């Protein structure tokens, strides 16, 4: 995987910031951890395997710090944020990237496998948000990106757990954003980020993982008061709600004019 060049100090927008990236042992998580480090952040990278995390940090050992653990066990989340508090005393950016996708038929998937998908893809993500937000509220600044997917809209066979978990990520992100007081905390933004189809351990097709970082960077750099509780597709605001609104408006006008709704 190509390594992002270190930007000049004057153009490193995340200098002095701390980013936590989960699922950082490879694929999208590795690319994001390296990208934020190249842009000046100190990165706390979490993943299951120490060896793959070491490889992630190889390009920037002074900026990428590793914590190995399985997020299916929420004690790993406790250790992750305890390490952030000990080492840095702040959390500016949280990238909830970790996910599992076992690709098994529902009726033959055992209960433990289905539950693990929920634990990693939803419960650990939510717990990371729960522990990151107090840092951000004290700082009056923070960005959370919950990595989502359209798998719940165009669900594939052998993906019931993944589709259900990604629907939950979308709903949770919007509900959590609604709980943050926009007047008191205009510079805390929580959004869903969908990277599109990417070549990872879950997929052999799509873009290379390093192409994801520019879009994530764009969302993290949104100004105070920017979009919040929204979905971004490859860094662009996704307007999936517009057609349904236009359709409802069109039907309402037709009813007022006595026409037959279509």
Protein backbone atom coordinates (compact mmCIF):
# COMPACT_ATOMS: atom_id res chain seq x y z
CA UNK A 1 0.00 0.00 0.00
CA UNK A 2 1.43 3.43 -0.90
CA UNK A 3 2.30 5.52 2.14
CA UNK A 4 1.03 9.11 2.37
CA UNK A 5 3.88 11.59 2.30
CA UNK A 6 4.31 13.68 5.40
CA UNK A 7 2.83 17.09 4.64
CA UNK A 8 4.84 20.21 5.47
CA UNK A 9 4.21 21.42 9.02
CA UNK A 10 2.29 24.46 7.79
CA UNK A 11 -0.17 22.27 5.90
CA UNK A 12 -0.66 19.53 8.48
CA UNK A 13 -4.21 20.27 9.64
CA UNK A 14 -4.25 17.76 12.49
CA UNK A 15 -1.02 18.82 14.21
CA UNK A 16 -1.62 18.73 17.96
CA UNK A 17 -4.72 16.55 17.56
CA UNK A 18 -5.28 12.99 18.75
CA UNK A 19 -7.13 10.46 16.60
CA UNK A 20 -8.35 7.02 17.61
CA UNK A 21 -8.81 4.56 14.75
CA UNK A 22 -10.33 1.12 15.33
CA UNK A 23 -9.81 -1.79 13.00
CA UNK A 24 -6.42 -0.30 12.18
CA UNK A 25 -4.55 -3.54 11.53
CA UNK A 26 -5.18 -3.42 7.78
CA UNK A 27 -7.35 -2.21 4.94
CA UNK A 28 -9.30 0.98 5.49
CA UNK A 29 -8.25 1.34 9.12
CA UNK A 30 -4.56 1.14 8.26
CA UNK A 31 -4.98 3.70 5.46
CA UNK A 32 -6.84 6.08 7.76
CA UNK A 33 -4.34 5.74 10.60
CA UNK A 34 -1.46 6.47 8.24
CA UNK A 35 -3.33 9.33 6.63
CA UNK A 36 -4.09 11.12 9.89
CA UNK A 37 -0.50 10.59 11.05
CA UNK A 38 0.82 12.07 7.80
CA UNK A 39 -1.40 15.10 8.42
CA UNK A 40 0.09 15.68 11.85
CA UNK A 41 -2.13 13.78 14.28
CA UNK A 42 -0.98 11.48 17.02
CA UNK A 43 -2.89 8.27 16.27
CA UNK A 44 -3.92 5.55 18.69
CA UNK A 45 -4.51 2.53 16.46
CA UNK A 46 -6.56 -0.39 17.77
CA UNK A 47 -6.77 -3.85 16.22
CA UNK A 48 -6.84 -7.51 17.16
CA UNK A 49 -3.34 -8.55 16.08
CA UNK A 50 -0.12 -6.96 17.35
CA UNK A 51 1.80 -7.94 14.20
CA UNK A 52 -0.58 -6.19 11.79
CA UNK A 53 -0.69 -3.11 14.01
CA UNK A 54 3.10 -3.02 14.01
CA UNK A 55 3.00 -2.98 10.22
CA UNK A 56 0.48 -0.12 10.29
CA UNK A 57 2.80 1.89 12.53
CA UNK A 58 5.94 1.08 10.55
CA UNK A 59 5.63 4.16 8.35
CA UNK A 60 5.22 6.59 11.27
CA UNK A 61 6.37 4.98 14.53
CA UNK A 62 6.61 8.38 16.20
CA UNK A 63 2.97 9.17 15.42
CA UNK A 64 1.08 5.86 15.38
CA UNK A 65 0.73 4.13 18.73
CA UNK A 66 -0.78 0.65 18.93
CA UNK A 67 -3.15 -1.11 21.27
CA UNK A 68 -4.05 -4.72 20.52
CA UNK A 69 -7.35 -6.16 21.63
CA UNK A 70 -10.64 -7.65 20.52
CA UNK A 71 -13.44 -5.09 20.50
CA UNK A 72 -15.99 -7.88 20.95
CA UNK A 73 -14.83 -7.60 24.57
CA UNK A 74 -15.83 -4.11 25.75
CA UNK A 75 -12.94 -4.14 28.22
CA UNK A 76 -10.77 -3.46 25.17
CA UNK A 77 -12.66 -0.19 24.74
CA UNK A 78 -11.95 0.64 28.39
CA UNK A 79 -8.23 -0.02 27.84
CA UNK A 80 -8.22 2.00 24.63
CA UNK A 81 -9.58 5.16 26.21
CA UNK A 82 -7.57 4.71 29.39
CA UNK A 83 -4.47 4.67 27.17
CA UNK A 84 -5.66 7.79 25.33
CA UNK A 85 -6.13 9.56 28.67
CA UNK A 86 -2.76 8.40 30.00
CA UNK A 87 -0.73 9.12 26.90
CA UNK A 88 -2.41 12.23 25.49
CA UNK A 89 -5.10 13.51 27.87
CA UNK A 90 -7.40 14.27 24.94
CA UNK A 91 -9.34 12.74 22.04
CA UNK A 92 -10.10 14.94 19.04
CA UNK A 93 -11.07 12.43 16.37
CA UNK A 94 -12.72 9.02 16.67
CA UNK A 95 -12.88 6.78 13.61
CA UNK A 96 -15.11 3.79 14.31
CA UNK A 97 -13.92 1.52 11.52
CA UNK A 98 -13.75 -1.94 13.12
CA UNK A 99 -16.27 -4.45 11.78
CA UNK A 100 -16.64 -8.16 11.08
CA UNK A 101 -18.48 -9.82 8.20
CA UNK A 102 -18.47 -13.63 8.50
CA UNK A 103 -20.56 -14.20 5.30
CA UNK A 104 -22.54 -17.16 6.53
CA UNK A 105 -26.17 -18.21 5.88
CA UNK A 106 -28.46 -17.16 8.69
CA UNK A 107 -29.86 -20.63 9.42
CA UNK A 108 -26.43 -22.24 9.67
CA UNK A 109 -24.70 -19.39 11.50
CA UNK A 110 -24.36 -20.15 15.17
CA UNK A 111 -25.66 -17.72 17.76
CA UNK A 112 -22.17 -16.77 18.96
CA UNK A 113 -21.09 -15.69 15.46
CA UNK A 114 -24.19 -13.53 14.97
CA UNK A 115 -23.73 -12.03 18.44
CA UNK A 116 -20.07 -11.28 17.75
CA UNK A 117 -21.05 -9.23 14.71
CA UNK A 118 -23.41 -7.17 16.84
CA UNK A 119 -20.79 -6.80 19.58
CA UNK A 120 -18.06 -5.52 17.27
CA UNK A 121 -20.09 -3.65 14.66
CA UNK A 122 -22.60 -1.96 16.98
CA UNK A 123 -21.93 -2.29 20.72
CA UNK A 124 -18.21 -1.53 20.58
CA UNK A 125 -18.84 1.37 18.21
CA UNK A 126 -21.43 2.82 20.60
CA UNK A 127 -19.16 2.34 23.60
CA UNK A 128 -16.30 4.12 21.82
CA UNK A 129 -18.64 7.05 21.23
CA UNK A 130 -19.71 6.97 24.89
CA UNK A 131 -16.12 7.21 26.06
CA UNK A 132 -14.90 9.70 23.44
CA UNK A 133 -17.63 12.29 23.88
CA UNK A 134 -16.69 13.40 27.43
CA UNK A 135 -13.19 14.28 26.14
CA UNK A 136 -14.73 16.22 23.28
CA UNK A 137 -17.21 18.03 25.49
CA UNK A 138 -14.41 19.18 27.80
CA UNK A 139 -12.49 20.41 24.76
CA UNK A 140 -15.59 21.84 23.04
CA UNK A 141 -14.23 20.19 19.93
CA UNK A 142 -14.36 16.74 18.34
CA UNK A 143 -15.23 14.72 15.29
CA UNK A 144 -16.69 11.21 15.21
CA UNK A 145 -16.93 9.19 12.00
CA UNK A 146 -18.87 5.95 12.21
CA UNK A 147 -18.09 3.87 9.15
CA UNK A 148 -21.29 2.67 7.55
CA UNK A 149 -22.48 0.76 4.54
CA UNK A 150 -25.45 0.52 2.21
CA UNK A 151 -25.55 -3.22 2.92
CA UNK A 152 -28.84 -2.74 4.77
CA UNK A 153 -30.44 -1.20 1.66
CA UNK A 154 -29.20 -3.68 -0.93
CA UNK A 155 -28.67 -6.62 1.36
CA UNK A 156 -26.95 -9.73 0.04
CA UNK A 157 -27.49 -13.33 1.03
CA UNK A 158 -25.22 -14.57 3.82
CA UNK A 159 -25.05 -11.11 5.33
CA UNK A 160 -27.97 -10.83 7.76
CA UNK A 161 -25.74 -9.90 10.67
CA UNK A 162 -23.71 -7.36 8.70
CA UNK A 163 -26.76 -5.74 7.09
CA UNK A 164 -28.57 -5.47 10.42
CA UNK A 165 -25.50 -4.03 12.14
CA UNK A 166 -24.93 -1.38 9.47
CA UNK A 167 -28.59 -0.31 9.62
CA UNK A 168 -28.04 0.08 13.35
CA UNK A 169 -24.92 2.21 12.77
CA UNK A 170 -26.89 4.63 10.58
CA UNK A 171 -29.76 4.90 13.08
CA UNK A 172 -27.44 5.19 16.08
CA UNK A 173 -25.36 7.94 14.45
CA UNK A 174 -28.42 10.08 13.74
CA UNK A 175 -29.91 9.51 17.20
CA UNK A 176 -26.63 10.26 18.97
CA UNK A 177 -26.17 13.46 16.98
CA UNK A 178 -29.66 14.56 18.03
CA UNK A 179 -28.62 14.30 21.69
CA UNK A 180 -25.68 16.70 21.36
CA UNK A 181 -26.66 20.30 22.10
CA UNK A 182 -25.79 22.21 18.95
CA UNK A 183 -25.81 25.54 20.76
CA UNK A 184 -23.43 24.40 23.48
CA UNK A 185 -21.24 22.16 21.30
CA UNK A 186 -21.29 23.46 17.72
CA UNK A 187 -17.76 22.12 17.14
CA UNK A 188 -18.61 18.49 17.95
CA UNK A 189 -19.80 16.72 14.83
CA UNK A 190 -20.93 13.09 14.60
CA UNK A 191 -21.50 11.63 11.15
CA UNK A 192 -21.71 8.37 9.26
CA UNK A 193 -19.01 7.84 6.64
CA UNK A 194 -19.53 5.32 3.85
CA UNK A 195 -16.30 4.61 1.95
CA UNK A 196 -17.95 2.76 -0.93
CA UNK A 197 -16.65 -0.55 -2.24
CA UNK A 198 -13.05 -1.00 -1.17
CA UNK A 199 -10.58 -3.85 -1.52
CA UNK A 200 -10.19 -5.20 2.00
CA UNK A 201 -10.35 -8.50 3.80
CA UNK A 202 -14.11 -8.32 3.28
CA UNK A 203 -14.06 -7.63 -0.47
CA UNK A 204 -11.84 -8.43 -3.44
CA UNK A 205 -13.37 -5.62 -5.51
CA UNK A 206 -13.39 -1.85 -5.38
CA UNK A 207 -10.94 0.97 -4.79
CA UNK A 208 -7.65 0.58 -3.00
CA UNK A 209 -7.95 1.42 0.68
CA UNK A 210 -5.65 4.47 0.55
CA UNK A 211 -8.22 6.22 -1.66
CA UNK A 212 -10.58 6.41 1.32
CA UNK A 213 -8.53 8.86 3.37
CA UNK A 214 -9.12 12.08 1.37
CA UNK A 215 -12.88 11.75 1.85
CA UNK A 216 -12.55 11.03 5.56
CA UNK A 217 -10.16 13.98 5.90
CA UNK A 218 -12.72 16.24 4.24
CA UNK A 219 -15.46 15.22 6.69
CA UNK A 220 -13.22 15.56 9.75
CA UNK A 221 -12.27 19.07 8.58
CA UNK A 222 -15.88 20.29 8.45
CA UNK A 223 -16.22 23.67 10.20
CA UNK A 224 -18.05 24.22 13.49
CA UNK A 225 -21.78 24.09 12.94
CA UNK A 226 -21.31 21.89 9.89
CA UNK A 227 -23.38 18.83 8.91
CA UNK A 228 -24.15 16.67 11.91
CA UNK A 229 -25.94 13.34 12.13
CA UNK A 230 -25.67 12.96 8.38
CA UNK A 231 -24.31 10.37 5.94
CA UNK A 232 -21.29 11.08 3.77
CA UNK A 233 -20.45 8.91 0.78
CA UNK A 234 -16.72 9.11 -0.06
CA UNK A 235 -16.55 12.52 1.57
CA UNK A 236 -19.64 14.02 -0.09
CA UNK A 237 -22.92 14.65 1.72
CA UNK A 238 -25.33 11.92 0.67
CA UNK A 239 -28.77 13.34 -0.10
CA UNK A 240 -30.69 10.08 0.05
CA UNK A 241 -33.67 11.77 1.67
CA UNK A 242 -34.28 14.26 -1.16
CA UNK A 243 -36.18 11.99 -3.60
CA UNK A 244 -38.65 10.90 -0.93
CA UNK A 245 -39.26 14.51 0.11
CA UNK A 246 -39.79 15.54 -3.50
CA UNK A 247 -42.15 12.63 -4.01
CA UNK A 248 -44.24 13.56 -1.00
CA UNK A 249 -44.34 17.19 -2.08
CA UNK A 250 -45.40 16.22 -5.60
CA UNK A 251 -48.21 14.01 -4.31
CA UNK A 252 -49.41 16.77 -1.96
CA UNK A 253 -49.58 19.26 -4.85
CA UNK A 254 -51.45 16.74 -6.97
CA UNK A 255 -54.01 16.23 -4.22
CA UNK A 256 -54.49 19.99 -3.87
CA UNK A 257 -55.02 20.32 -7.61
CA UNK A 258 -57.43 17.42 -7.69
CA UNK A 259 -55.12 15.25 -9.74
CA UNK A 260 -54.53 11.58 -9.26
CA UNK A 261 -51.35 10.84 -7.29
CA UNK A 262 -48.89 8.69 -9.16
